[in-house]
Amino acid sequence: MNNHAAREPAFARVAEWYGSEATSTDAGSSSSAPVSGDITLGVQRGLPQAEITGITLECGTVPLKEVLDAVRADNWLHAHGDLRARQARDIKAQIRGAFYPEADDWKSMVFERSVDVLRRALAGLARS
């Protein structure tokens, strides 16, 4: 996912580096809601003289309802629960499983995809 505005040079760099795999809320090709306040925006504001090209790489885990249920439970825990209780351990296991499954094939897929994305970024930077 690309959070750069379509008029920004970084948007064009992401499109060049990742082709049709690059998605953007600004271009209407991302399934993500518009994002504000992410680390890329913070780095851009903190280093206005630098050319920043940021992406978000998301790797699916479990169905959306399971993710939302885990996030809601974790939110409830922090607002109303007892972190020492058995229920807290169960909720923490639930949220970890929603974002980091204990499946070796998933972990391998994430690793291989990450290496691919980094290599493509390095190749793009080398062409710059």
N, C-alpha and C. Protein backbone atom coordinates (compact mmCIF):
# COMPACT_ATOMS: atom_id res chain seq x y z
N MET A 1 0.85 -1.18 0.00
CA MET A 1 0.00 0.00 0.00
C MET A 1 0.89 1.23 0.00
N ASN A 2 0.42 2.23 -0.67
CA ASN A 2 1.16 3.46 -0.88
C ASN A 2 0.32 4.60 -0.31
N ASN A 3 0.81 5.26 0.72
CA ASN A 3 0.05 6.36 1.33
C ASN A 3 0.43 7.73 0.78
N HIS A 4 1.25 7.76 -0.25
CA HIS A 4 1.62 9.04 -0.85
C HIS A 4 0.48 9.55 -1.72
N ALA A 5 0.34 10.86 -1.78
CA ALA A 5 -0.65 11.46 -2.68
C ALA A 5 -0.20 11.24 -4.12
N ALA A 6 -1.18 11.07 -5.01
CA ALA A 6 -0.87 10.75 -6.40
C ALA A 6 0.01 11.79 -7.08
N ARG A 7 -0.01 13.02 -6.62
CA ARG A 7 0.79 14.09 -7.23
C ARG A 7 2.24 14.13 -6.73
N GLU A 8 2.57 13.31 -5.73
CA GLU A 8 3.92 13.32 -5.14
C GLU A 8 4.88 12.43 -5.94
N PRO A 9 6.14 12.85 -6.04
CA PRO A 9 7.14 12.00 -6.72
C PRO A 9 7.25 10.61 -6.10
N ALA A 10 7.07 10.51 -4.80
CA ALA A 10 7.16 9.20 -4.14
C ALA A 10 6.09 8.24 -4.65
N PHE A 11 4.94 8.76 -4.97
CA PHE A 11 3.86 7.94 -5.53
C PHE A 11 4.34 7.30 -6.83
N ALA A 12 4.97 8.10 -7.68
CA ALA A 12 5.48 7.59 -8.96
C ALA A 12 6.58 6.57 -8.73
N ARG A 13 7.43 6.80 -7.72
CA ARG A 13 8.50 5.83 -7.44
C ARG A 13 7.91 4.48 -7.02
N VAL A 14 6.91 4.51 -6.16
CA VAL A 14 6.28 3.26 -5.72
C VAL A 14 5.70 2.53 -6.92
N ALA A 15 5.02 3.26 -7.79
CA ALA A 15 4.44 2.65 -8.99
C ALA A 15 5.53 2.06 -9.89
N GLU A 16 6.65 2.77 -10.01
CA GLU A 16 7.76 2.27 -10.84
C GLU A 16 8.36 1.00 -10.23
N TRP A 17 8.57 1.00 -8.94
CA TRP A 17 9.24 -0.12 -8.27
C TRP A 17 8.36 -1.37 -8.20
N TYR A 18 7.05 -1.17 -8.00
CA TYR A 18 6.17 -2.32 -7.72
C TYR A 18 5.09 -2.54 -8.77
N GLY A 19 5.01 -1.68 -9.76
CA GLY A 19 4.06 -1.87 -10.85
C GLY A 19 2.63 -2.01 -10.37
N SER A 20 1.92 -2.96 -10.95
CA SER A 20 0.49 -3.11 -10.65
C SER A 20 0.24 -3.62 -9.24
N GLU A 21 1.28 -4.08 -8.56
CA GLU A 21 1.11 -4.53 -7.17
C GLU A 21 0.97 -3.35 -6.20
N ALA A 22 1.39 -2.17 -6.62
CA ALA A 22 1.28 -0.98 -5.77
C ALA A 22 -0.17 -0.52 -5.72
N THR A 23 -0.68 -0.35 -4.52
CA THR A 23 -2.05 0.14 -4.37
C THR A 23 -2.02 1.44 -3.59
N SER A 24 -3.10 2.21 -3.74
CA SER A 24 -3.16 3.52 -3.11
C SER A 24 -4.60 3.91 -2.85
N THR A 25 -4.86 4.44 -1.67
CA THR A 25 -6.20 4.97 -1.42
C THR A 25 -6.43 6.20 -2.27
N ASP A 26 -5.37 6.98 -2.51
CA ASP A 26 -5.50 8.19 -3.31
C ASP A 26 -5.90 7.87 -4.75
N ALA A 27 -5.41 6.74 -5.25
CA ALA A 27 -5.74 6.33 -6.62
C ALA A 27 -6.98 5.43 -6.66
N GLY A 28 -7.50 5.07 -5.48
CA GLY A 28 -8.68 4.22 -5.43
C GLY A 28 -8.42 2.75 -5.65
N SER A 29 -7.17 2.33 -5.57
CA SER A 29 -6.84 0.92 -5.83
C SER A 29 -6.55 0.11 -4.57
N SER A 30 -6.62 0.74 -3.41
CA SER A 30 -6.32 0.05 -2.15
C SER A 30 -7.60 -0.32 -1.42
N SER A 31 -7.58 -1.46 -0.76
CA SER A 31 -8.72 -1.85 0.06
C SER A 31 -8.64 -1.23 1.45
N SER A 32 -7.54 -0.54 1.73
CA SER A 32 -7.36 0.11 3.02
C SER A 32 -8.18 1.40 3.11
N ALA A 33 -8.57 1.74 4.31
CA ALA A 33 -9.15 3.06 4.54
C ALA A 33 -8.02 4.08 4.44
N PRO A 34 -8.34 5.34 4.12
CA PRO A 34 -7.29 6.36 4.10
C PRO A 34 -6.56 6.40 5.45
N VAL A 35 -5.25 6.54 5.39
CA VAL A 35 -4.42 6.51 6.59
C VAL A 35 -3.85 7.91 6.82
N SER A 36 -3.94 8.36 8.06
CA SER A 36 -3.28 9.62 8.42
C SER A 36 -2.48 9.38 9.69
N GLY A 37 -1.32 9.98 9.76
CA GLY A 37 -0.51 9.84 10.94
C GLY A 37 0.39 8.63 10.96
N ASP A 38 0.63 8.02 9.81
CA ASP A 38 1.53 6.87 9.80
C ASP A 38 2.99 7.34 9.86
N ILE A 39 3.91 6.41 9.98
CA ILE A 39 5.32 6.75 10.15
C ILE A 39 5.88 7.48 8.94
N THR A 40 5.40 7.15 7.74
CA THR A 40 5.90 7.83 6.55
C THR A 40 5.61 9.32 6.63
N LEU A 41 4.41 9.67 7.03
CA LEU A 41 4.06 11.09 7.15
C LEU A 41 4.91 11.77 8.22
N GLY A 42 5.16 11.09 9.30
CA GLY A 42 5.99 11.65 10.36
C GLY A 42 7.42 11.88 9.89
N VAL A 43 7.97 10.92 9.14
CA VAL A 43 9.33 11.07 8.62
C VAL A 43 9.38 12.22 7.62
N GLN A 44 8.36 12.34 6.77
CA GLN A 44 8.32 13.44 5.79
C GLN A 44 8.32 14.79 6.50
N ARG A 45 7.54 14.89 7.54
CA ARG A 45 7.47 16.17 8.28
C ARG A 45 8.77 16.43 9.04
N GLY A 46 9.37 15.39 9.58
CA GLY A 46 10.60 15.55 10.35
C GLY A 46 11.83 15.78 9.50
N LEU A 47 11.80 15.32 8.26
CA LEU A 47 12.94 15.46 7.34
C LEU A 47 12.45 16.05 6.01
N PRO A 48 12.00 17.30 6.04
CA PRO A 48 11.38 17.86 4.82
C PRO A 48 12.33 17.95 3.63
N GLN A 49 13.65 17.94 3.87
CA GLN A 49 14.61 18.01 2.77
C GLN A 49 14.87 16.66 2.12
N ALA A 50 14.43 15.58 2.76
CA ALA A 50 14.70 14.22 2.26
C ALA A 50 13.59 13.75 1.32
N GLU A 51 13.97 12.90 0.38
CA GLU A 51 12.99 12.24 -0.46
C GLU A 51 12.61 10.93 0.23
N ILE A 52 11.37 10.81 0.63
CA ILE A 52 10.88 9.65 1.37
C ILE A 52 9.97 8.84 0.45
N THR A 53 10.20 7.55 0.40
CA THR A 53 9.30 6.66 -0.33
C THR A 53 8.92 5.55 0.64
N GLY A 54 7.69 5.59 1.09
CA GLY A 54 7.24 4.61 2.07
C GLY A 54 6.11 3.75 1.54
N ILE A 55 6.10 2.52 1.98
CA ILE A 55 5.00 1.62 1.65
C ILE A 55 4.59 0.89 2.92
N THR A 56 3.43 0.31 2.87
CA THR A 56 2.95 -0.57 3.93
C THR A 56 2.74 -1.93 3.29
N LEU A 57 3.36 -2.92 3.87
CA LEU A 57 3.22 -4.29 3.37
C LEU A 57 2.36 -5.04 4.37
N GLU A 58 1.19 -5.46 3.94
CA GLU A 58 0.30 -6.22 4.81
C GLU A 58 0.24 -7.66 4.34
N CYS A 59 0.31 -8.56 5.30
CA CYS A 59 0.25 -9.99 5.01
C CYS A 59 -0.95 -10.55 5.74
N GLY A 60 -1.88 -11.07 5.01
CA GLY A 60 -3.09 -11.58 5.61
C GLY A 60 -2.83 -12.68 6.62
N THR A 61 -3.74 -12.78 7.57
CA THR A 61 -3.59 -13.80 8.61
C THR A 61 -4.87 -14.62 8.70
N VAL A 62 -5.85 -14.09 9.37
CA VAL A 62 -7.13 -14.79 9.59
C VAL A 62 -8.24 -13.93 9.02
N PRO A 63 -9.45 -14.46 8.91
CA PRO A 63 -10.56 -13.66 8.38
C PRO A 63 -10.77 -12.37 9.19
N LEU A 64 -11.25 -11.34 8.52
CA LEU A 64 -11.42 -10.02 9.11
C LEU A 64 -12.21 -10.06 10.42
N LYS A 65 -13.28 -10.84 10.48
CA LYS A 65 -14.08 -10.90 11.71
C LYS A 65 -13.23 -11.36 12.89
N GLU A 66 -12.35 -12.34 12.66
CA GLU A 66 -11.48 -12.82 13.74
C GLU A 66 -10.50 -11.73 14.18
N VAL A 67 -9.98 -10.97 13.24
CA VAL A 67 -9.07 -9.87 13.58
C VAL A 67 -9.82 -8.83 14.41
N LEU A 68 -11.01 -8.45 13.94
CA LEU A 68 -11.79 -7.44 14.67
C LEU A 68 -12.19 -7.93 16.06
N ASP A 69 -12.57 -9.18 16.17
CA ASP A 69 -12.91 -9.73 17.49
C ASP A 69 -11.70 -9.68 18.42
N ALA A 70 -10.53 -10.00 17.91
CA ALA A 70 -9.32 -9.96 18.73
C ALA A 70 -8.98 -8.54 19.16
N VAL A 71 -9.11 -7.59 18.24
CA VAL A 71 -8.83 -6.18 18.57
C VAL A 71 -9.82 -5.67 19.60
N ARG A 72 -11.09 -6.01 19.42
CA ARG A 72 -12.11 -5.58 20.40
C ARG A 72 -11.82 -6.17 21.78
N ALA A 73 -11.48 -7.44 21.83
CA ALA A 73 -11.19 -8.08 23.11
C ALA A 73 -9.97 -7.43 23.77
N ASP A 74 -8.95 -7.14 22.99
CA ASP A 74 -7.75 -6.51 23.54
C ASP A 74 -8.07 -5.10 24.05
N ASN A 75 -8.88 -4.39 23.31
CA ASN A 75 -9.31 -3.05 23.74
C ASN A 75 -10.07 -3.14 25.06
N TRP A 76 -11.01 -4.10 25.13
CA TRP A 76 -11.77 -4.29 26.36
C TRP A 76 -10.82 -4.60 27.52
N LEU A 77 -9.85 -5.47 27.28
CA LEU A 77 -8.92 -5.86 28.32
C LEU A 77 -8.20 -4.64 28.89
N HIS A 78 -7.73 -3.79 28.03
CA HIS A 78 -6.98 -2.62 28.50
C HIS A 78 -7.87 -1.59 29.17
N ALA A 79 -9.14 -1.55 28.81
CA ALA A 79 -10.06 -0.59 29.43
C ALA A 79 -10.69 -1.11 30.71
N HIS A 80 -10.94 -2.43 30.78
CA HIS A 80 -11.73 -2.96 31.90
C HIS A 80 -11.16 -4.21 32.55
N GLY A 81 -10.19 -4.86 31.92
CA GLY A 81 -9.76 -6.17 32.40
C GLY A 81 -8.64 -6.12 33.41
N ASP A 82 -8.29 -7.29 33.86
CA ASP A 82 -7.19 -7.49 34.80
C ASP A 82 -6.10 -8.24 34.05
N LEU A 83 -4.97 -7.59 33.83
CA LEU A 83 -3.90 -8.19 33.05
C LEU A 83 -3.29 -9.43 33.70
N ARG A 84 -3.59 -9.67 34.96
CA ARG A 84 -3.06 -10.86 35.65
C ARG A 84 -3.99 -12.06 35.54
N ALA A 85 -5.19 -11.83 35.05
CA ALA A 85 -6.20 -12.90 35.00
C ALA A 85 -5.96 -13.85 33.83
N ARG A 86 -6.47 -15.06 33.96
CA ARG A 86 -6.39 -16.07 32.89
C ARG A 86 -7.03 -15.53 31.61
N GLN A 87 -8.13 -14.79 31.76
CA GLN A 87 -8.81 -14.21 30.60
C GLN A 87 -7.86 -13.29 29.83
N ALA A 88 -7.02 -12.56 30.53
CA ALA A 88 -6.06 -11.66 29.88
C ALA A 88 -5.08 -12.46 29.04
N ARG A 89 -4.59 -13.57 29.57
CA ARG A 89 -3.66 -14.41 28.80
C ARG A 89 -4.33 -14.96 27.55
N ASP A 90 -5.61 -15.34 27.68
CA ASP A 90 -6.35 -15.84 26.52
C ASP A 90 -6.52 -14.75 25.46
N ILE A 91 -6.84 -13.55 25.91
CA ILE A 91 -7.04 -12.43 24.97
C ILE A 91 -5.72 -12.08 24.29
N LYS A 92 -4.64 -12.08 25.05
CA LYS A 92 -3.33 -11.78 24.45
C LYS A 92 -2.94 -12.86 23.43
N ALA A 93 -3.26 -14.10 23.70
CA ALA A 93 -3.00 -15.17 22.73
C ALA A 93 -3.87 -14.99 21.50
N GLN A 94 -5.11 -14.56 21.70
CA GLN A 94 -6.03 -14.32 20.59
C GLN A 94 -5.51 -13.21 19.68
N ILE A 95 -5.05 -12.11 20.26
CA ILE A 95 -4.59 -10.99 19.42
C ILE A 95 -3.27 -11.34 18.73
N ARG A 96 -2.40 -12.06 19.42
CA ARG A 96 -1.15 -12.48 18.77
C ARG A 96 -1.47 -13.39 17.59
N GLY A 97 -2.38 -14.32 17.77
CA GLY A 97 -2.75 -15.22 16.69
C GLY A 97 -3.38 -14.51 15.51
N ALA A 98 -4.07 -13.40 15.78
CA ALA A 98 -4.70 -12.64 14.70
C ALA A 98 -3.69 -11.90 13.84
N PHE A 99 -2.55 -11.55 14.44
CA PHE A 99 -1.55 -10.77 13.70
C PHE A 99 -0.25 -11.53 13.43
N TYR A 100 -0.04 -12.65 14.12
CA TYR A 100 1.18 -13.42 13.93
C TYR A 100 0.88 -14.89 14.17
N PRO A 101 0.29 -15.55 13.18
CA PRO A 101 -0.06 -16.96 13.35
C PRO A 101 1.15 -17.85 13.56
N GLU A 102 0.97 -18.91 14.30
CA GLU A 102 2.03 -19.89 14.54
C GLU A 102 1.98 -20.95 13.44
N ALA A 103 2.15 -20.51 12.21
CA ALA A 103 2.13 -21.41 11.06
C ALA A 103 3.41 -21.19 10.26
N ASP A 104 4.22 -22.21 10.17
CA ASP A 104 5.50 -22.07 9.49
C ASP A 104 5.36 -21.68 8.03
N ASP A 105 4.32 -22.18 7.34
CA ASP A 105 4.15 -21.81 5.94
C ASP A 105 3.83 -20.32 5.80
N TRP A 106 3.04 -19.77 6.74
CA TRP A 106 2.73 -18.34 6.72
C TRP A 106 3.99 -17.53 6.99
N LYS A 107 4.77 -17.94 7.97
CA LYS A 107 6.01 -17.23 8.30
C LYS A 107 6.97 -17.24 7.12
N SER A 108 7.09 -18.36 6.44
CA SER A 108 7.95 -18.45 5.26
C SER A 108 7.46 -17.53 4.16
N MET A 109 6.15 -17.52 3.93
CA MET A 109 5.58 -16.65 2.90
C MET A 109 5.87 -15.19 3.21
N VAL A 110 5.70 -14.78 4.46
CA VAL A 110 5.96 -13.39 4.85
C VAL A 110 7.43 -13.05 4.66
N PHE A 111 8.30 -13.94 5.06
CA PHE A 111 9.74 -13.71 4.90
C PHE A 111 10.10 -13.57 3.42
N GLU A 112 9.65 -14.51 2.59
CA GLU A 112 9.98 -14.47 1.17
C GLU A 112 9.42 -13.22 0.50
N ARG A 113 8.22 -12.84 0.86
CA ARG A 113 7.62 -11.63 0.28
C ARG A 113 8.38 -10.39 0.72
N SER A 114 8.78 -10.35 1.97
CA SER A 114 9.54 -9.21 2.48
C SER A 114 10.87 -9.06 1.76
N VAL A 115 11.56 -10.16 1.54
CA VAL A 115 12.83 -10.13 0.81
C VAL A 115 12.59 -9.61 -0.60
N ASP A 116 11.54 -10.08 -1.26
CA ASP A 116 11.21 -9.62 -2.61
C ASP A 116 10.97 -8.11 -2.64
N VAL A 117 10.18 -7.63 -1.70
CA VAL A 117 9.85 -6.20 -1.64
C VAL A 117 11.11 -5.37 -1.39
N LEU A 118 11.96 -5.81 -0.48
CA LEU A 118 13.20 -5.08 -0.20
C LEU A 118 14.14 -5.08 -1.41
N ARG A 119 14.24 -6.22 -2.09
CA ARG A 119 15.09 -6.27 -3.28
C ARG A 119 14.61 -5.31 -4.36
N ARG A 120 13.31 -5.24 -4.53
CA ARG A 120 12.75 -4.34 -5.55
C ARG A 120 12.97 -2.88 -5.17
N ALA A 121 12.89 -2.57 -3.88
CA ALA A 121 13.17 -1.21 -3.42
C ALA A 121 14.64 -0.87 -3.66
N LEU A 122 15.53 -1.79 -3.33
CA LEU A 122 16.96 -1.54 -3.55
C LEU A 122 17.27 -1.37 -5.05
N ALA A 123 16.64 -2.17 -5.88
CA ALA A 123 16.84 -2.04 -7.32
C ALA A 123 16.33 -0.69 -7.80
N GLY A 124 15.20 -0.26 -7.28
CA GLY A 124 14.67 1.06 -7.63
C GLY A 124 15.58 2.18 -7.19
N LEU A 125 16.11 2.07 -6.00
CA LEU A 125 17.05 3.08 -5.50
C LEU A 125 18.32 3.09 -6.35
N ALA A 126 18.79 1.93 -6.76
CA ALA A 126 20.01 1.86 -7.58
C ALA A 126 19.81 2.54 -8.93
N ARG A 127 18.59 2.51 -9.44
CA ARG A 127 18.31 3.16 -10.72
C ARG A 127 18.16 4.67 -10.58
N SER A 128 17.99 5.14 -9.36
CA SER A 128 17.75 6.59 -9.12
C SER A 128 19.00 7.41 -9.30
